[in-house]
């Protein structure tokens, strides 16, 4: 089994409010890898390449995952 890199997760400023208790966390400290996790499930980590992260964030910004539509 390969050892998992030590990710340094951060949250968006809006998630740092004590009233918000469930936020996505992102780590970009390992070169070439972006890691995501749910603050309520910190042991479940999804990783992707930096290029895949850029594709995902572009799609989110473009509204492709807008659940209110």
PDB file of N, CA and C in Angstrom:
ATOM      1  N   UNK A   1       0.838  -1.185   0.000  1.00  0.00           N
ATOM      2  CA  UNK A   1       0.000   0.000   0.000  1.00  0.00           C
ATOM      3  C   UNK A   1       0.882   1.248   0.000  1.00  0.00           C
ATOM      4  N   UNK A   2       0.527   2.204  -0.828  1.00  0.00           N
ATOM      5  CA  UNK A   2       1.300   3.445  -0.901  1.00  0.00           C
ATOM      6  C   UNK A   2       0.867   4.393   0.207  1.00  0.00           C
ATOM      7  N   UNK A   3       1.829   5.083   0.761  1.00  0.00           N
ATOM      8  CA  UNK A   3       1.511   6.043   1.804  1.00  0.00           C
ATOM      9  C   UNK A   3       0.910   7.299   1.192  1.00  0.00           C
ATOM     10  N   UNK A   4      -0.115   7.811   1.820  1.00  0.00           N
ATOM     11  CA  UNK A   4      -0.792   9.015   1.346  1.00  0.00           C
ATOM     12  C   UNK A   4       0.048  10.244   1.713  1.00  0.00           C
ATOM     13  N   UNK A   5       0.186  11.199   0.766  1.00  0.00           N
ATOM     14  CA  UNK A   5       0.928  12.421   1.093  1.00  0.00           C
ATOM     15  C   UNK A   5       0.231  13.192   2.216  1.00  0.00           C
ATOM     16  N   UNK A   6       0.966  14.034   2.882  1.00  0.00           N
ATOM     17  CA  UNK A   6       0.412  14.857   3.950  1.00  0.00           C
ATOM     18  C   UNK A   6      -0.204  16.116   3.344  1.00  0.00           C
ATOM     19  N   UNK A   7      -1.512  16.128   3.242  1.00  0.00           N
ATOM     20  CA  UNK A   7      -2.207  17.269   2.669  1.00  0.00           C
ATOM     21  C   UNK A   7      -2.479  18.319   3.745  1.00  0.00           C
ATOM     22  N   UNK A   8      -2.404  19.582   3.353  1.00  0.00           N
ATOM     23  CA  UNK A   8      -2.719  20.702   4.239  1.00  0.00           C
ATOM     24  C   UNK A   8      -4.013  21.326   3.718  1.00  0.00           C
ATOM     25  N   UNK A   9      -5.119  20.955   4.331  1.00  0.00           N
ATOM     26  CA  UNK A   9      -6.432  21.381   3.869  1.00  0.00           C
ATOM     27  C   UNK A   9      -6.797  22.768   4.379  1.00  0.00           C
ATOM     28  N   UNK A  10      -7.492  23.524   3.531  1.00  0.00           N
ATOM     29  CA  UNK A  10      -8.034  24.832   3.891  1.00  0.00           C
ATOM     30  C   UNK A  10      -9.491  24.888   3.444  1.00  0.00           C
ATOM     31  N   UNK A  11     -10.220  25.817   4.023  1.00  0.00           N
ATOM     32  CA  UNK A  11     -11.610  26.014   3.635  1.00  0.00           C
ATOM     33  C   UNK A  11     -11.790  27.438   3.139  1.00  0.00           C
ATOM     34  N   UNK A  12     -12.878  27.675   2.449  1.00  0.00           N
ATOM     35  CA  UNK A  12     -13.210  29.026   1.998  1.00  0.00           C
ATOM     36  C   UNK A  12     -13.511  29.896   3.213  1.00  0.00           C
ATOM     37  N   UNK A  13     -13.344  31.188   3.076  1.00  0.00           N
ATOM     38  CA  UNK A  13     -13.584  32.108   4.182  1.00  0.00           C
ATOM     39  C   UNK A  13     -14.996  31.963   4.741  1.00  0.00           C
ATOM     40  N   UNK A  14     -15.994  31.762   3.888  1.00  0.00           N
ATOM     41  CA  UNK A  14     -17.383  31.619   4.344  1.00  0.00           C
ATOM     42  C   UNK A  14     -17.548  30.411   5.259  1.00  0.00           C
ATOM     43  N   UNK A  15     -16.735  29.408   5.088  1.00  0.00           N
ATOM     44  CA  UNK A  15     -16.835  28.188   5.891  1.00  0.00           C
ATOM     45  C   UNK A  15     -16.154  28.315   7.243  1.00  0.00           C
ATOM     46  N   UNK A  16     -15.433  29.370   7.460  1.00  0.00           N
ATOM     47  CA  UNK A  16     -14.739  29.540   8.737  1.00  0.00           C
ATOM     48  C   UNK A  16     -15.655  30.085   9.826  1.00  0.00           C
ATOM     49  N   UNK A  17     -16.885  30.427   9.455  1.00  0.00           N
ATOM     50  CA  UNK A  17     -17.886  30.895  10.401  1.00  0.00           C
ATOM     51  C   UNK A  17     -18.308  29.710  11.269  1.00  0.00           C
ATOM     52  N   UNK A  18     -18.337  29.888  12.571  1.00  0.00           N
ATOM     53  CA  UNK A  18     -18.667  28.788  13.492  1.00  0.00           C
ATOM     54  C   UNK A  18     -20.070  28.231  13.265  1.00  0.00           C
ATOM     55  N   UNK A  19     -20.955  29.015  12.650  1.00  0.00           N
ATOM     56  CA  UNK A  19     -22.322  28.545  12.398  1.00  0.00           C
ATOM     57  C   UNK A  19     -22.380  27.573  11.220  1.00  0.00           C
ATOM     58  N   UNK A  20     -21.333  27.552  10.404  1.00  0.00           N
ATOM     59  CA  UNK A  20     -21.266  26.643   9.253  1.00  0.00           C
ATOM     60  C   UNK A  20     -20.449  25.436   9.693  1.00  0.00           C
ATOM     61  N   UNK A  21     -21.060  24.261   9.667  1.00  0.00           N
ATOM     62  CA  UNK A  21     -20.335  23.104  10.207  1.00  0.00           C
ATOM     63  C   UNK A  21     -20.051  22.009   9.187  1.00  0.00           C
ATOM     64  N   UNK A  22     -20.250  22.303   7.901  1.00  0.00           N
ATOM     65  CA  UNK A  22     -20.003  21.289   6.890  1.00  0.00           C
ATOM     66  C   UNK A  22     -19.545  21.972   5.610  1.00  0.00           C
ATOM     67  N   UNK A  23     -18.272  21.873   5.301  1.00  0.00           N
ATOM     68  CA  UNK A  23     -17.726  22.577   4.148  1.00  0.00           C
ATOM     69  C   UNK A  23     -16.730  21.707   3.384  1.00  0.00           C
ATOM     70  N   UNK A  24     -16.601  21.967   2.097  1.00  0.00           N
ATOM     71  CA  UNK A  24     -15.522  21.301   1.376  1.00  0.00           C
ATOM     72  C   UNK A  24     -14.180  21.903   1.784  1.00  0.00           C
ATOM     73  N   UNK A  25     -13.175  21.074   1.820  1.00  0.00           N
ATOM     74  CA  UNK A  25     -11.820  21.518   2.133  1.00  0.00           C
ATOM     75  C   UNK A  25     -10.917  21.115   0.977  1.00  0.00           C
ATOM     76  N   UNK A  26      -9.961  21.978   0.655  1.00  0.00           N
ATOM     77  CA  UNK A  26      -9.082  21.761  -0.494  1.00  0.00           C
ATOM     78  C   UNK A  26      -7.625  21.860  -0.045  1.00  0.00           C
ATOM     79  N   UNK A  27      -6.805  20.973  -0.589  1.00  0.00           N
ATOM     80  CA  UNK A  27      -5.354  21.024  -0.341  1.00  0.00           C
ATOM     81  C   UNK A  27      -4.637  21.104  -1.678  1.00  0.00           C
ATOM     82  N   UNK A  28      -3.714  22.053  -1.784  1.00  0.00           N
ATOM     83  CA  UNK A  28      -2.928  22.213  -3.017  1.00  0.00           C
ATOM     84  C   UNK A  28      -1.433  22.206  -2.719  1.00  0.00           C
ATOM     85  N   UNK A  29      -1.053  21.706  -1.552  1.00  0.00           N
ATOM     86  CA  UNK A  29       0.349  21.762  -1.147  1.00  0.00           C
ATOM     87  C   UNK A  29       1.221  20.645  -1.717  1.00  0.00           C
ATOM     88  N   UNK A  30       0.617  19.626  -2.329  1.00  0.00           N
ATOM     89  CA  UNK A  30       1.398  18.546  -2.939  1.00  0.00           C
ATOM     90  C   UNK A  30       1.470  18.829  -4.441  1.00  0.00           C
ATOM     91  N   UNK A  31       2.655  19.044  -4.983  1.00  0.00           N
ATOM     92  CA  UNK A  31       2.797  19.424  -6.396  1.00  0.00           C
ATOM     93  C   UNK A  31       2.052  18.486  -7.352  1.00  0.00           C
ATOM     94  N   UNK A  32       1.251  19.095  -8.229  1.00  0.00           N
ATOM     95  CA  UNK A  32       0.545  18.341  -9.255  1.00  0.00           C
ATOM     96  C   UNK A  32      -0.733  17.665  -8.803  1.00  0.00           C
ATOM     97  N   UNK A  33      -1.046  17.743  -7.499  1.00  0.00           N
ATOM     98  CA  UNK A  33      -2.232  17.074  -6.962  1.00  0.00           C
ATOM     99  C   UNK A  33      -3.100  18.084  -6.208  1.00  0.00           C
ATOM    100  N   UNK A  34      -4.400  17.995  -6.441  1.00  0.00           N
ATOM    101  CA  UNK A  34      -5.364  18.751  -5.648  1.00  0.00           C
ATOM    102  C   UNK A  34      -6.199  17.717  -4.906  1.00  0.00           C
ATOM    103  N   UNK A  35      -6.342  17.904  -3.611  1.00  0.00           N
ATOM    104  CA  UNK A  35      -7.110  16.973  -2.793  1.00  0.00           C
ATOM    105  C   UNK A  35      -8.337  17.684  -2.237  1.00  0.00           C
ATOM    106  N   UNK A  36      -9.457  16.965  -2.204  1.00  0.00           N
ATOM    107  CA  UNK A  36     -10.712  17.492  -1.679  1.00  0.00           C
ATOM    108  C   UNK A  36     -11.228  16.554  -0.593  1.00  0.00           C
ATOM    109  N   UNK A  37     -11.881  17.143   0.404  1.00  0.00           N
ATOM    110  CA  UNK A  37     -12.559  16.325   1.407  1.00  0.00           C
ATOM    111  C   UNK A  37     -13.715  17.128   2.002  1.00  0.00           C
ATOM    112  N   UNK A  38     -14.617  16.426   2.619  1.00  0.00           N
ATOM    113  CA  UNK A  38     -15.745  17.011   3.325  1.00  0.00           C
ATOM    114  C   UNK A  38     -15.306  17.192   4.776  1.00  0.00           C
ATOM    115  N   UNK A  39     -15.560  18.362   5.348  1.00  0.00           N
ATOM    116  CA  UNK A  39     -15.123  18.617   6.719  1.00  0.00           C
ATOM    117  C   UNK A  39     -15.733  17.630   7.720  1.00  0.00           C
ATOM    118  N   UNK A  40     -16.890  17.065   7.390  1.00  0.00           N
ATOM    119  CA  UNK A  40     -17.512  16.094   8.289  1.00  0.00           C
ATOM    120  C   UNK A  40     -17.001  14.676   8.056  1.00  0.00           C
ATOM    121  N   UNK A  41     -16.288  14.454   6.959  1.00  0.00           N
ATOM    122  CA  UNK A  41     -15.713  13.130   6.657  1.00  0.00           C
ATOM    123  C   UNK A  41     -14.243  13.292   6.253  1.00  0.00           C
ATOM    124  N   UNK A  42     -13.403  13.729   7.162  1.00  0.00           N
ATOM    125  CA  UNK A  42     -12.016  14.053   6.806  1.00  0.00           C
ATOM    126  C   UNK A  42     -11.166  12.881   6.331  1.00  0.00           C
ATOM    127  N   UNK A  43     -11.615  11.648   6.573  1.00  0.00           N
ATOM    128  CA  UNK A  43     -10.832  10.491   6.126  1.00  0.00           C
ATOM    129  C   UNK A  43     -11.114  10.111   4.673  1.00  0.00           C
ATOM    130  N   UNK A  44     -12.167  10.665   4.096  1.00  0.00           N
ATOM    131  CA  UNK A  44     -12.508  10.390   2.695  1.00  0.00           C
ATOM    132  C   UNK A  44     -11.950  11.515   1.826  1.00  0.00           C
ATOM    133  N   UNK A  45     -10.885  11.216   1.120  1.00  0.00           N
ATOM    134  CA  UNK A  45     -10.196  12.229   0.325  1.00  0.00           C
ATOM    135  C   UNK A  45     -10.244  11.847  -1.149  1.00  0.00           C
ATOM    136  N   UNK A  46     -10.603  12.810  -1.975  1.00  0.00           N
ATOM    137  CA  UNK A  46     -10.615  12.637  -3.425  1.00  0.00           C
ATOM    138  C   UNK A  46      -9.450  13.456  -3.974  1.00  0.00           C
ATOM    139  N   UNK A  47      -8.653  12.845  -4.844  1.00  0.00           N
ATOM    140  CA  UNK A  47      -7.538  13.579  -5.444  1.00  0.00           C
ATOM    141  C   UNK A  47      -7.717  13.659  -6.951  1.00  0.00           C
ATOM    142  N   UNK A  48      -7.122  14.688  -7.523  1.00  0.00           N
ATOM    143  CA  UNK A  48      -7.140  14.872  -8.975  1.00  0.00           C
ATOM    144  C   UNK A  48      -5.913  15.667  -9.376  1.00  0.00           C
ATOM    145  N   UNK A  49      -5.652  15.682 -10.665  1.00  0.00           N
ATOM    146  CA  UNK A  49      -4.529  16.470 -11.154  1.00  0.00           C
ATOM    147  C   UNK A  49      -4.901  17.948 -11.118  1.00  0.00           C
ATOM    148  N   UNK A  50      -3.903  18.790 -11.187  1.00  0.00           N
ATOM    149  CA  UNK A  50      -4.152  20.231 -11.229  1.00  0.00           C
ATOM    150  C   UNK A  50      -4.954  20.603 -12.472  1.00  0.00           C
ATOM    151  N   UNK A  51      -4.719  19.920 -13.587  1.00  0.00           N
ATOM    152  CA  UNK A  51      -5.470  20.187 -14.820  1.00  0.00           C
ATOM    153  C   UNK A  51      -6.935  19.797 -14.653  1.00  0.00           C
ATOM    154  N   UNK A  52      -7.198  18.660 -14.009  1.00  0.00           N
ATOM    155  CA  UNK A  52      -8.581  18.246 -13.748  1.00  0.00           C
ATOM    156  C   UNK A  52      -9.273  19.235 -12.806  1.00  0.00           C
ATOM    157  N   UNK A  53      -8.546  19.748 -11.827  1.00  0.00           N
ATOM    158  CA  UNK A  53      -9.092  20.756 -10.909  1.00  0.00           C
ATOM    159  C   UNK A  53      -9.495  22.010 -11.686  1.00  0.00           C
ATOM    160  N   UNK A  54      -8.645  22.441 -12.600  1.00  0.00           N
ATOM    161  CA  UNK A  54      -8.955  23.624 -13.408  1.00  0.00           C
ATOM    162  C   UNK A  54     -10.210  23.384 -14.247  1.00  0.00           C
ATOM    163  N   UNK A  55     -10.333  22.202 -14.821  1.00  0.00           N
ATOM    164  CA  UNK A  55     -11.523  21.861 -15.604  1.00  0.00           C
ATOM    165  C   UNK A  55     -12.768  21.884 -14.717  1.00  0.00           C
ATOM    166  N   UNK A  56     -12.679  21.300 -13.533  1.00  0.00           N
ATOM    167  CA  UNK A  56     -13.807  21.269 -12.607  1.00  0.00           C
ATOM    168  C   UNK A  56     -14.207  22.678 -12.184  1.00  0.00           C
ATOM    169  N   UNK A  57     -13.260  23.488 -11.766  1.00  0.00           N
ATOM    170  CA  UNK A  57     -13.607  24.834 -11.294  1.00  0.00           C
ATOM    171  C   UNK A  57     -14.164  25.691 -12.425  1.00  0.00           C
ATOM    172  N   UNK A  58     -13.654  25.522 -13.633  1.00  0.00           N
ATOM    173  CA  UNK A  58     -14.213  26.254 -14.780  1.00  0.00           C
ATOM    174  C   UNK A  58     -15.672  25.848 -15.005  1.00  0.00           C
ATOM    175  N   UNK A  59     -15.961  24.550 -14.899  1.00  0.00           N
ATOM    176  CA  UNK A  59     -17.329  24.065 -15.092  1.00  0.00           C
ATOM    177  C   UNK A  59     -18.255  24.599 -13.999  1.00  0.00           C
ATOM    178  N   UNK A  60     -17.780  24.630 -12.762  1.00  0.00           N
ATOM    179  CA  UNK A  60     -18.591  25.161 -11.662  1.00  0.00           C
ATOM    180  C   UNK A  60     -18.877  26.644 -11.912  1.00  0.00           C
ATOM    181  N   UNK A  61     -17.856  27.389 -12.268  1.00  0.00           N
ATOM    182  CA  UNK A  61     -18.025  28.829 -12.532  1.00  0.00           C
ATOM    183  C   UNK A  61     -18.997  29.063 -13.686  1.00  0.00           C
ATOM    184  N   UNK A  62     -19.041  28.164 -14.659  1.00  0.00           N
ATOM    185  CA  UNK A  62     -19.917  28.301 -15.809  1.00  0.00           C
ATOM    186  C   UNK A  62     -21.352  27.839 -15.505  1.00  0.00           C
ATOM    187  N   UNK A  63     -21.588  27.325 -14.301  1.00  0.00           N
ATOM    188  CA  UNK A  63     -22.931  26.918 -13.909  1.00  0.00           C
ATOM    189  C   UNK A  63     -23.309  25.506 -14.320  1.00  0.00           C
ATOM    190  N   UNK A  64     -22.352  24.709 -14.755  1.00  0.00           N
ATOM    191  CA  UNK A  64     -22.674  23.353 -15.207  1.00  0.00           C
ATOM    192  C   UNK A  64     -23.222  22.454 -14.101  1.00  0.00           C
ATOM    193  N   UNK A  65     -22.954  22.790 -12.859  1.00  0.00           N
ATOM    194  CA  UNK A  65     -23.412  21.965 -11.730  1.00  0.00           C
ATOM    195  C   UNK A  65     -24.403  22.723 -10.869  1.00  0.00           C
ATOM    196  N   UNK A  66     -25.083  23.701 -11.434  1.00  0.00           N
ATOM    197  CA  UNK A  66     -26.045  24.504 -10.691  1.00  0.00           C
ATOM    198  C   UNK A  66     -27.295  23.664 -10.430  1.00  0.00           C
ATOM    199  N   UNK A  67     -27.494  23.256  -9.196  1.00  0.00           N
ATOM    200  CA  UNK A  67     -28.624  22.393  -8.842  1.00  0.00           C
ATOM    201  C   UNK A  67     -29.926  23.187  -8.721  1.00  0.00           C
ATOM    202  N   UNK A  68     -29.839  24.501  -8.695  1.00  0.00           N
ATOM    203  CA  UNK A  68     -31.058  25.298  -8.576  1.00  0.00           C
ATOM    204  C   UNK A  68     -31.715  25.577  -9.918  1.00  0.00           C
ATOM    205  N   UNK A  69     -31.045  25.202 -10.992  1.00  0.00           N
ATOM    206  CA  UNK A  69     -31.587  25.479 -12.337  1.00  0.00           C
ATOM    207  C   UNK A  69     -32.695  24.524 -12.697  1.00  0.00           C
TER     208      UNK A  69
END
